[in-house]
Protein backbone atom coordinates (compact mmCIF):
# COMPACT_ATOMS: atom_id res chain seq x y z
CA MET A 1 -13.63 -15.22 -17.07
CA PRO A 2 -10.58 -13.74 -15.67
CA SER A 3 -9.08 -14.30 -12.59
CA PRO A 4 -10.28 -12.54 -9.64
CA SER A 5 -6.62 -11.77 -8.54
CA ALA A 6 -4.86 -9.04 -9.54
CA GLN A 7 -1.89 -9.68 -11.00
CA PRO A 8 0.86 -6.93 -10.74
CA PRO A 9 3.15 -5.52 -13.60
CA ALA A 10 7.06 -7.04 -13.30
CA GLU A 11 8.67 -5.93 -10.66
CA ALA A 12 11.23 -2.75 -11.00
CA PRO A 13 14.40 -3.65 -8.95
CA PRO A 14 14.36 -2.73 -5.52
CA LEU A 15 16.08 0.67 -4.00
CA VAL A 16 17.43 1.90 -0.85
CA TYR A 17 16.99 5.38 -0.15
CA ILE A 18 19.87 7.15 2.05
CA VAL A 19 18.91 10.95 3.80
CA ASP A 20 21.44 11.76 5.87
CA ASP A 21 23.88 14.89 6.41
CA ASP A 22 26.77 12.90 7.17
CA GLU A 23 28.74 12.08 3.72
CA ALA A 24 31.23 9.49 5.36
CA LEU A 25 27.96 7.40 6.34
CA ARG A 26 26.33 8.06 2.87
CA ASP A 27 29.70 6.70 1.75
CA SER A 28 29.43 3.82 3.92
CA LEU A 29 26.02 2.96 3.68
CA ARG A 30 26.11 3.10 -0.30
CA TRP A 31 29.02 0.53 -0.58
CA LEU A 32 27.34 -2.00 1.67
CA ILE A 33 24.21 -1.98 -0.28
CA ARG A 34 25.81 -2.02 -3.30
CA SER A 35 27.61 -5.26 -2.38
CA VAL A 36 24.13 -7.16 -1.88
CA ASP A 37 23.46 -6.08 -5.53
CA LEU A 38 20.56 -3.32 -3.73
CA ALA A 39 20.05 0.15 -6.39
CA VAL A 40 21.29 3.02 -3.88
CA GLU A 41 20.45 6.82 -3.92
CA ASP A 42 21.47 8.93 -1.50
CA HIS A 43 20.67 12.61 -0.28
CA PRO A 44 22.34 15.11 2.19
CA SER A 45 19.03 16.90 3.00
CA ALA A 46 14.99 16.04 2.78
CA ASP A 47 14.23 18.19 0.42
CA ALA A 48 17.06 17.07 -1.70
CA PHE A 49 15.43 13.53 -1.08
CA LEU A 50 11.80 14.88 -2.15
CA ARG A 51 12.96 16.04 -4.93
CA SER A 52 13.77 12.80 -6.62
CA PHE A 53 11.31 9.94 -4.16
CA CYS A 54 9.03 7.54 -5.94
CA ASP A 55 7.47 4.96 -4.27
CA ASP A 56 5.81 2.82 -6.89
CA ARG A 57 8.81 0.24 -7.11
CA PRO A 58 10.19 -1.71 -3.92
CA CYS A 59 11.95 0.87 -1.41
CA CYS A 60 13.27 2.37 1.95
CA ILE A 61 14.17 4.83 3.32
CA LEU A 62 17.15 5.00 5.87
CA LEU A 63 16.64 8.07 7.00
CA ASP A 64 18.74 10.07 9.93
CA VAL A 65 16.30 11.02 13.37
CA ARG A 66 18.67 14.36 13.40
CA MET A 67 19.55 16.57 10.64
CA PRO A 68 19.99 20.41 9.64
CA GLY A 69 16.97 22.44 8.24
CA VAL A 70 14.12 19.23 7.85
CA SER A 71 14.75 16.80 10.88
CA GLY A 72 14.18 13.16 10.12
CA LEU A 73 10.74 13.12 12.43
CA GLU A 74 9.50 16.25 10.22
CA LEU A 75 10.26 14.63 7.04
CA GLN A 76 8.62 11.11 8.53
CA ASP A 77 5.36 13.71 8.75
CA VAL A 78 5.29 14.86 5.42
CA LEU A 79 5.68 11.24 4.02
CA ARG A 80 2.78 10.49 5.89
CA GLN A 81 0.99 13.22 4.98
CA ARG A 82 1.62 12.69 1.18
CA GLY A 83 0.44 8.58 1.46
CA ALA A 84 4.07 7.14 0.60
CA LEU A 85 3.78 3.75 1.71
CA ALA A 86 7.94 2.96 1.41
CA PRO A 87 9.31 1.85 4.81
CA ILE A 88 11.19 4.04 7.00
CA LEU A 89 14.68 2.91 8.78
CA PHE A 90 15.72 5.45 11.12
CA MET A 91 19.02 5.83 12.29
CA THR A 92 19.83 7.00 15.50
CA GLY A 93 22.81 7.69 17.78
CA HIS A 94 22.42 6.16 21.73
CA GLY A 95 20.66 9.50 22.66
CA ASP A 96 18.60 9.55 20.35
CA VAL A 97 16.65 6.62 21.52
CA PRO A 98 13.54 8.10 22.66
CA MET A 99 12.88 9.76 19.35
CA ALA A 100 13.07 6.81 17.53
CA VAL A 101 10.57 5.11 19.93
CA ARG A 102 8.53 8.32 19.21
CA ALA A 103 8.95 7.78 15.15
CA LEU A 104 7.82 3.65 15.84
CA LYS A 105 4.84 5.25 16.91
CA ALA A 106 4.31 7.32 14.01
CA GLY A 107 4.55 4.23 12.12
CA ALA A 108 8.12 3.79 10.92
CA PHE A 109 9.05 0.23 10.21
CA ASP A 110 12.38 0.17 12.43
CA PHE A 111 14.95 1.79 14.27
CA VAL A 112 19.18 1.09 14.12
CA GLU A 113 21.63 2.38 16.61
CA LYS A 114 24.39 3.81 15.19
CA PRO A 115 27.21 2.45 14.83
CA PHE A 116 25.84 -0.18 13.44
CA ASP A 117 26.58 -4.05 12.54
CA ASP A 118 26.59 -4.66 8.72
CA ALA A 119 24.63 -7.96 8.30
CA VAL A 120 22.24 -6.45 11.11
CA MET A 121 21.91 -3.26 8.65
CA LEU A 122 21.34 -5.44 5.77
CA GLY A 123 18.44 -7.74 7.63
CA ARG A 124 16.51 -4.66 8.02
CA ILE A 125 16.67 -3.26 4.82
CA HIS A 126 15.68 -6.53 3.55
CA ALA A 127 13.13 -6.58 5.66
CA ALA A 128 11.40 -3.71 4.80
CA LEU A 129 11.72 -4.13 1.26
CA ASP A 130 9.72 -6.95 1.71
CA HIS A 131 7.65 -5.36 3.67
CA HIS A 132 6.95 -2.55 0.97
CA ARG A 133 6.75 -5.73 -1.63
CA ALA A 134 3.63 -6.96 0.60
CA LEU A 135 2.49 -3.30 0.68
CA LEU A 136 2.74 -2.76 -2.89
CA ALA A 137 0.57 -5.68 -3.86
CA GLU A 138 -1.83 -4.95 -1.56
CA HIS A 139 -2.10 -1.95 -3.35
CA ALA A 140 -2.69 -2.68 -6.60
CA GLN A 141 -4.90 -5.73 -5.61
CA ARG A 142 -7.22 -2.97 -4.47
CA GLN A 143 -7.29 -0.49 -7.21
CA ALA A 144 -7.59 -3.35 -9.44
CA VAL A 145 -11.12 -4.14 -7.17
CA LEU A 146 -12.03 -0.22 -7.73
CA ASP A 147 -11.42 -0.25 -11.28
CA ARG A 148 -13.63 -2.90 -11.73
CA TRP A 149 -15.76 -1.64 -9.42
CA ALA A 150 -16.75 1.72 -11.12
CA THR A 151 -17.62 -0.46 -14.28
CA LEU A 152 -20.84 -1.49 -12.25
CA THR A 153 -24.18 0.70 -12.21
CA PRO A 154 -25.59 1.87 -9.07
CA ARG A 155 -28.19 -1.31 -9.09
CA GLU A 156 -25.29 -3.43 -10.17
CA ARG A 157 -23.66 -2.40 -6.85
CA GLN A 158 -26.40 -3.25 -4.81
CA VAL A 159 -27.47 -6.43 -6.11
CA MET A 160 -23.74 -7.38 -5.14
CA ARG A 161 -24.00 -6.15 -1.92
CA LYS A 162 -26.65 -8.00 -1.34
CA VAL A 163 -25.46 -11.46 -3.35
CA ALA A 164 -22.12 -10.66 -1.10
CA GLY A 165 -24.52 -10.71 1.99
CA GLY A 166 -25.98 -14.40 1.02
CA ALA A 167 -29.30 -13.33 0.07
CA GLN A 168 -30.88 -15.51 -2.54
CA ASN A 169 -32.37 -13.75 -5.95
CA LYS A 170 -35.73 -14.44 -5.06
CA VAL A 171 -34.94 -12.12 -1.55
CA ILE A 172 -33.44 -9.62 -3.55
CA ALA A 173 -35.85 -9.57 -6.06
CA HIS A 174 -38.63 -8.65 -3.32
CA ASP A 175 -35.85 -6.34 -1.14
CA LEU A 176 -35.17 -4.15 -4.50
CA ASP A 177 -38.49 -4.10 -5.96
CA ILE A 178 -37.79 -5.91 -9.28
CA SER A 179 -38.12 -8.57 -11.49
CA LEU A 180 -36.54 -12.21 -10.35
CA LYS A 181 -35.37 -12.35 -14.41
CA THR A 182 -33.79 -8.87 -13.53
CA VAL A 183 -32.12 -9.98 -10.96
CA GLU A 184 -30.84 -12.75 -12.44
CA VAL A 185 -29.33 -10.50 -15.26
CA HIS A 186 -27.97 -7.58 -12.92
CA ARG A 187 -26.01 -10.96 -11.14
CA HIS A 188 -24.82 -12.45 -13.84
CA ASN A 189 -22.99 -8.96 -14.95
CA VAL A 190 -21.96 -8.50 -11.54
CA MET A 191 -19.93 -11.53 -11.64
CA ASP A 192 -18.70 -11.11 -15.25
CA LYS A 193 -17.35 -7.28 -14.40
CA MET A 194 -15.86 -8.11 -11.05
CA ALA A 195 -14.24 -10.87 -12.60
CA ALA A 196 -15.63 -13.09 -9.81
CA GLN A 197 -15.55 -16.77 -9.23
CA SER A 198 -17.81 -17.54 -6.51
CA VAL A 199 -20.03 -15.62 -3.83
CA ALA A 200 -16.98 -15.81 -1.55
CA ASP A 201 -14.76 -13.70 -3.62
CA LEU A 202 -17.66 -11.18 -4.13
CA THR A 203 -17.47 -10.84 -0.36
CA ARG A 204 -13.94 -10.73 -0.46
CA MET A 205 -13.94 -7.99 -2.57
CA LEU A 206 -16.12 -5.86 -0.97
CA LEU A 207 -14.06 -6.07 2.83
CA THR A 208 -11.19 -4.79 0.25
CA LEU A 209 -13.21 -1.89 -1.19
CA GLY A 210 -14.15 -0.69 2.13
CA GLU A 211 -16.25 2.79 2.41
CA ALA A 212 -16.03 2.92 -1.35
CA ALA A 213 -18.72 -0.23 -1.43
CA GLU A 214 -21.61 2.33 0.61
CA HIS A 215 -22.37 4.48 -1.96
CA ASP A 216 -24.81 4.97 -5.36
CA LEU A 217 -27.81 3.28 -4.55
CA PRO A 218 -30.53 3.61 -6.88
CA PRO A 219 -33.88 4.82 -6.79
CA PRO A 220 -36.21 1.62 -6.36
CA GLY A 221 -37.54 -0.56 -9.57
CA SER A 222 -34.86 0.55 -12.04
């Protein structure tokens, strides 16, 4: 029986996006980031960034609060609507701190005031990349559980909920109006399909599934 833990694919090299209309600042940041062997991609506008952005690898976004056209805060809204997981590090001038605080409340990872210290900036970048790695691993694990959940029949899903809730086989048989033997077969199939080693594994998987586990109840006796 395979392990219940999802094994993520080999990790692509981390990438740092820079989105700022100040070319000199982009050049400086690009040099700094490459000095610690991180990949970097810079863009002068939100539109240019969105044309190439992909966050299926560890990455973070260094984003200027104030830009012509689509502002940093507006770009943050777009990314949130798209469900992007990449952490955003806002770069702000002294007078933009209130805007940065607003961005943090909207889900930004952190902000750095200009002019920034190189060591501080690199520390924030590495922290953001670590955070995104954790988010990607969590997302991959949940997707693996969802994929296994999709292989269960409606009755197997109902039995899984009962088993994860601590019910004994004879109680499940009574509650679902099916035979004890049928419960045993369903329970075996659930453990096998979900790659679960224990009832505790099933409980954790249900917590991972959340609302996705609240559907597909079969008719009694099936």
